[in-house]
Amino acid sequence: METSTRNIVGGNPRISP
């Protein structure tokens, strides 16, 4: 899942470690 660069679930682009 691409939750590292942006959150698909929330729809808000956030940078996660």
N, C-alpha and C. Protein backbone atom coordinates (compact mmCIF):
# COMPACT_ATOMS: atom_id res chain seq x y z
N MET A 1 0.84 -1.20 0.00
CA MET A 1 0.00 0.00 0.00
C MET A 1 0.87 1.25 0.00
N GLU A 2 0.39 2.29 -0.68
CA GLU A 2 1.18 3.52 -0.74
C GLU A 2 0.77 4.47 0.39
N THR A 3 1.14 4.11 1.60
CA THR A 3 0.79 4.96 2.74
C THR A 3 2.01 5.71 3.21
N SER A 4 3.13 5.51 2.51
CA SER A 4 4.38 6.16 2.91
C SER A 4 4.39 7.62 2.47
N THR A 5 3.92 7.85 1.25
CA THR A 5 3.94 9.21 0.70
C THR A 5 2.61 9.91 0.94
N ARG A 6 1.52 9.19 0.66
CA ARG A 6 0.21 9.80 0.85
C ARG A 6 -0.79 8.75 1.32
N ASN A 7 -1.75 9.19 2.09
CA ASN A 7 -2.73 8.27 2.64
C ASN A 7 -3.94 8.17 1.72
N ILE A 8 -4.14 6.99 1.13
CA ILE A 8 -5.25 6.80 0.20
C ILE A 8 -6.58 6.76 0.96
N VAL A 9 -6.52 6.24 2.19
CA VAL A 9 -7.72 6.09 3.00
C VAL A 9 -8.27 7.44 3.42
N GLY A 10 -7.37 8.32 3.87
CA GLY A 10 -7.80 9.63 4.33
C GLY A 10 -7.95 10.60 3.16
N GLY A 11 -7.12 10.38 2.13
CA GLY A 11 -7.17 11.24 0.96
C GLY A 11 -6.29 12.47 1.16
N ASN A 12 -5.51 12.46 2.25
CA ASN A 12 -4.63 13.59 2.54
C ASN A 12 -3.17 13.16 2.39
N PRO A 13 -2.42 13.87 1.55
CA PRO A 13 -1.00 13.58 1.34
C PRO A 13 -0.17 13.89 2.58
N ARG A 14 0.37 12.84 3.20
CA ARG A 14 1.18 13.04 4.39
C ARG A 14 2.45 12.21 4.29
N ILE A 15 3.56 12.75 4.77
CA ILE A 15 4.83 12.03 4.71
C ILE A 15 5.03 11.20 5.98
N SER A 16 5.05 9.89 5.82
CA SER A 16 5.23 9.00 6.97
C SER A 16 6.57 8.29 6.86
N PRO A 17 7.20 8.04 7.98
CA PRO A 17 8.50 7.36 8.01
C PRO A 17 8.38 5.91 7.57
